[in-house]
Amino acid sequence: MNLWLRVLHLIIASFLRPRINPVADVSRLRFRVWPHDLDVSLHMNNGRYWALMDLGRADIMIRSGLWRPILKHGWVPVVSAGQIRFRREMRLFQSFVLETRILTWSESHVVMEQRLVSQAKDGRLILNAIALVRAGLYDRNVKGFMSVAHLLSEIGVKADPPDVAPEVQAFLDAEETLKKAA
């Protein structure tokens, strides 16, 4: 139930926040670690990071206007790969910001970076976790992923994908290796 309250809050708040360009802007969502987010070590459960990151991706879809064609056509957001690096634990009642940005894209998938950032008592920013996620919108009617160019045109954005950074290429290469091993 606790995630449903966060989802409801996100949906309502997203319609009140400014529109974003998904290929140029960063989604920033503020959260706090609550008791139901903790594991037996009394820090945020590693699964909760992924659940909260879903909300960051949803925020981009809603605030960019992509939610309209998603609902109209019945497309389904699908994460096909993810890699996370935990750097600092997140403790009870700690506040943090989830930053979500699109780094690049291929024909049918985007690669996003998601970061959980908090502030130390002395004002320094602390990177608590960073993840790379490969995702796309699946059309069940055509049994395939929608082209990113089409998705962007649906919301009036025309852009070429940025160059792929070395860490993103390593992530994509690892995903291809895993795909071949399965």
Protein backbone atom coordinates (compact mmCIF):
# COMPACT_ATOMS: atom_id res chain seq x y z
CA MET A 1 0.00 0.00 0.00
CA ASN A 2 2.80 2.42 0.78
CA LEU A 3 3.95 2.56 -2.86
CA TRP A 4 0.39 3.18 -4.02
CA LEU A 5 0.28 6.35 -1.90
CA ARG A 6 3.54 7.48 -3.50
CA VAL A 7 2.14 6.67 -6.96
CA LEU A 8 -1.04 8.64 -6.27
CA HIS A 9 0.99 11.58 -4.97
CA LEU A 10 3.26 11.41 -8.04
CA ILE A 11 0.35 11.44 -10.48
CA ILE A 12 -1.36 14.39 -8.83
CA ALA A 13 1.86 16.36 -8.35
CA SER A 14 3.09 15.64 -11.90
CA PHE A 15 0.10 17.44 -13.39
CA LEU A 16 0.88 20.48 -11.23
CA ARG A 17 4.59 20.57 -12.06
CA PRO A 18 6.04 22.10 -15.25
CA ARG A 19 6.15 20.09 -18.46
CA ILE A 20 9.54 18.62 -19.33
CA ASN A 21 11.38 17.74 -22.52
CA PRO A 22 12.32 14.10 -21.96
CA VAL A 23 15.54 14.27 -23.99
CA ALA A 24 16.88 17.46 -22.43
CA ASP A 25 15.46 17.81 -18.91
CA VAL A 26 15.96 15.95 -15.64
CA SER A 27 13.08 14.69 -13.50
CA ARG A 28 13.70 15.38 -9.81
CA LEU A 29 11.48 13.81 -7.16
CA ARG A 30 11.90 14.29 -3.40
CA PHE A 31 11.42 11.37 -1.04
CA ARG A 32 12.13 10.32 2.51
CA VAL A 33 13.06 6.86 3.82
CA TRP A 34 10.11 5.59 5.87
CA PRO A 35 9.98 2.56 8.20
CA HIS A 36 8.30 0.41 5.53
CA ASP A 37 11.30 1.07 3.22
CA LEU A 38 13.77 -0.61 5.59
CA ASP A 39 15.25 -4.10 5.56
CA VAL A 40 16.56 -6.12 8.51
CA SER A 41 19.78 -4.04 8.50
CA LEU A 42 17.66 -0.93 9.14
CA HIS A 43 18.62 0.80 5.92
CA MET A 44 16.60 1.14 2.72
CA ASN A 45 15.90 -2.23 1.13
CA ASN A 46 17.66 -2.71 -2.20
CA GLY A 47 14.36 -3.61 -3.87
CA ARG A 48 12.87 -0.29 -2.79
CA TYR A 49 15.47 1.58 -4.88
CA TRP A 50 14.12 -0.11 -8.01
CA ALA A 51 10.49 0.54 -7.00
CA LEU A 52 11.17 4.25 -6.46
CA MET A 53 13.04 4.44 -9.76
CA ASP A 54 9.82 3.28 -11.46
CA LEU A 55 8.29 6.52 -10.18
CA GLY A 56 11.07 8.59 -11.75
CA ARG A 57 10.42 7.01 -15.14
CA ALA A 58 6.66 7.54 -14.68
CA ASP A 59 7.27 11.21 -13.89
CA ILE A 60 9.07 11.66 -17.21
CA MET A 61 6.23 9.95 -19.08
CA ILE A 62 3.56 12.05 -17.39
CA ARG A 63 5.29 15.44 -17.47
CA SER A 64 6.45 15.06 -21.08
CA GLY A 65 2.89 14.34 -22.19
CA LEU A 66 3.76 10.82 -23.33
CA TRP A 67 1.08 9.42 -21.00
CA ARG A 68 -1.64 10.45 -23.48
CA PRO A 69 -0.46 8.27 -26.41
CA ILE A 70 0.46 5.48 -23.97
CA LEU A 71 -3.14 5.33 -22.75
CA LYS A 72 -4.62 5.94 -26.21
CA HIS A 73 -2.69 3.09 -27.86
CA GLY A 74 -2.41 0.77 -24.86
CA TRP A 75 1.39 0.73 -24.93
CA VAL A 76 3.15 -0.87 -21.98
CA PRO A 77 6.37 0.50 -20.44
CA VAL A 78 8.91 -2.33 -20.18
CA VAL A 79 12.32 -2.28 -18.51
CA SER A 80 14.52 -4.79 -20.32
CA ALA A 81 17.75 -4.30 -18.37
CA GLY A 82 19.06 -2.52 -15.32
CA GLN A 83 22.29 -2.18 -13.40
CA ILE A 84 22.67 -0.43 -10.07
CA ARG A 85 25.64 0.65 -7.97
CA PHE A 86 24.95 1.24 -4.29
CA ARG A 87 27.38 3.78 -2.85
CA ARG A 88 26.04 4.91 0.54
CA GLU A 89 23.31 3.43 2.71
CA MET A 90 20.06 5.31 3.16
CA ARG A 91 18.85 5.44 6.78
CA LEU A 92 15.45 5.93 8.39
CA PHE A 93 13.88 9.38 7.78
CA GLN A 94 16.72 10.43 5.46
CA SER A 95 15.50 12.73 2.70
CA PHE A 96 16.81 12.35 -0.82
CA VAL A 97 16.18 13.32 -4.43
CA LEU A 98 15.68 10.85 -7.25
CA GLU A 99 17.07 12.26 -10.51
CA THR A 100 16.04 10.59 -13.77
CA ARG A 101 17.39 11.53 -17.19
CA ILE A 102 17.52 9.96 -20.64
CA LEU A 103 21.13 9.53 -21.71
CA THR A 104 20.67 8.14 -25.22
CA TRP A 105 18.46 5.86 -27.29
CA SER A 106 18.41 3.27 -30.03
CA GLU A 107 15.68 2.52 -32.53
CA SER A 108 13.32 1.11 -29.90
CA HIS A 109 14.78 1.69 -26.42
CA VAL A 110 16.06 4.51 -24.26
CA VAL A 111 18.87 4.30 -21.74
CA MET A 112 18.22 6.28 -18.57
CA GLU A 113 20.41 7.21 -15.66
CA GLN A 114 18.77 7.31 -12.24
CA ARG A 115 20.55 8.71 -9.20
CA LEU A 116 19.53 8.91 -5.55
CA VAL A 117 21.20 11.96 -4.06
CA SER A 118 21.09 13.24 -0.47
CA GLN A 119 22.66 16.15 1.35
CA ALA A 120 25.19 15.81 4.17
CA LYS A 121 24.90 17.99 7.26
CA ASP A 122 27.73 20.17 5.94
CA GLY A 123 25.80 20.77 2.68
CA ARG A 124 27.78 18.41 0.44
CA LEU A 125 25.77 16.33 -2.03
CA ILE A 126 26.10 12.58 -1.55
CA LEU A 127 25.49 10.07 -4.33
CA ASN A 128 23.75 7.17 -2.58
CA ALA A 129 23.06 5.04 -5.64
CA ILE A 130 23.26 5.24 -9.42
CA ALA A 131 21.55 3.01 -11.98
CA LEU A 132 21.39 2.58 -15.72
CA VAL A 133 18.11 1.31 -17.14
CA ARG A 134 17.20 0.23 -20.67
CA ALA A 135 13.48 0.60 -21.35
CA GLY A 136 10.94 0.88 -24.15
CA LEU A 137 7.23 1.06 -24.84
CA TYR A 138 5.76 -2.23 -26.03
CA ASP A 139 2.74 -2.35 -28.35
CA ARG A 140 0.84 -5.58 -27.72
CA ASN A 141 -1.12 -5.17 -30.96
CA VAL A 142 1.98 -5.26 -33.18
CA LYS A 143 3.93 -7.44 -30.72
CA GLY A 144 6.91 -5.14 -30.77
CA PHE A 145 8.50 -2.07 -29.28
CA MET A 146 7.57 1.36 -30.57
CA SER A 147 10.31 3.35 -32.26
CA VAL A 148 11.72 6.11 -30.09
CA ALA A 149 11.46 8.54 -33.03
CA HIS A 150 7.71 7.82 -33.19
CA LEU A 151 7.32 8.25 -29.43
CA LEU A 152 9.12 11.60 -29.52
CA SER A 153 7.03 12.77 -32.49
CA GLU A 154 3.88 11.96 -30.49
CA ILE A 155 4.91 14.67 -28.00
CA GLY A 156 6.36 17.11 -30.54
CA VAL A 157 10.05 16.48 -29.88
CA LYS A 158 12.61 15.98 -32.64
CA ALA A 159 16.11 15.05 -31.54
CA ASP A 160 19.00 12.82 -32.47
CA PRO A 161 20.37 10.46 -29.85
CA PRO A 162 23.44 11.74 -28.01
CA ASP A 163 26.70 9.85 -28.37
CA VAL A 164 26.90 6.78 -26.18
CA ALA A 165 29.22 7.29 -23.19
CA PRO A 166 31.72 4.49 -22.43
CA GLU A 167 29.89 3.36 -19.27
CA VAL A 168 26.60 3.20 -21.17
CA GLN A 169 28.23 1.18 -23.96
CA ALA A 170 29.69 -1.22 -21.37
CA PHE A 171 26.19 -1.61 -19.86
CA LEU A 172 24.66 -2.31 -23.29
CA ASP A 173 27.46 -4.75 -24.17
CA ALA A 174 26.92 -6.63 -20.90
CA GLU A 175 23.19 -6.82 -21.67
CA GLU A 176 23.91 -8.27 -25.12
CA THR A 177 26.26 -10.85 -23.58
CA LEU A 178 23.58 -11.90 -21.08
CA LYS A 179 20.98 -12.08 -23.85
CA LYS A 180 23.17 -14.46 -25.85
CA ALA A 181 23.84 -16.63 -22.78
CA ALA A 182 20.15 -17.20 -22.08
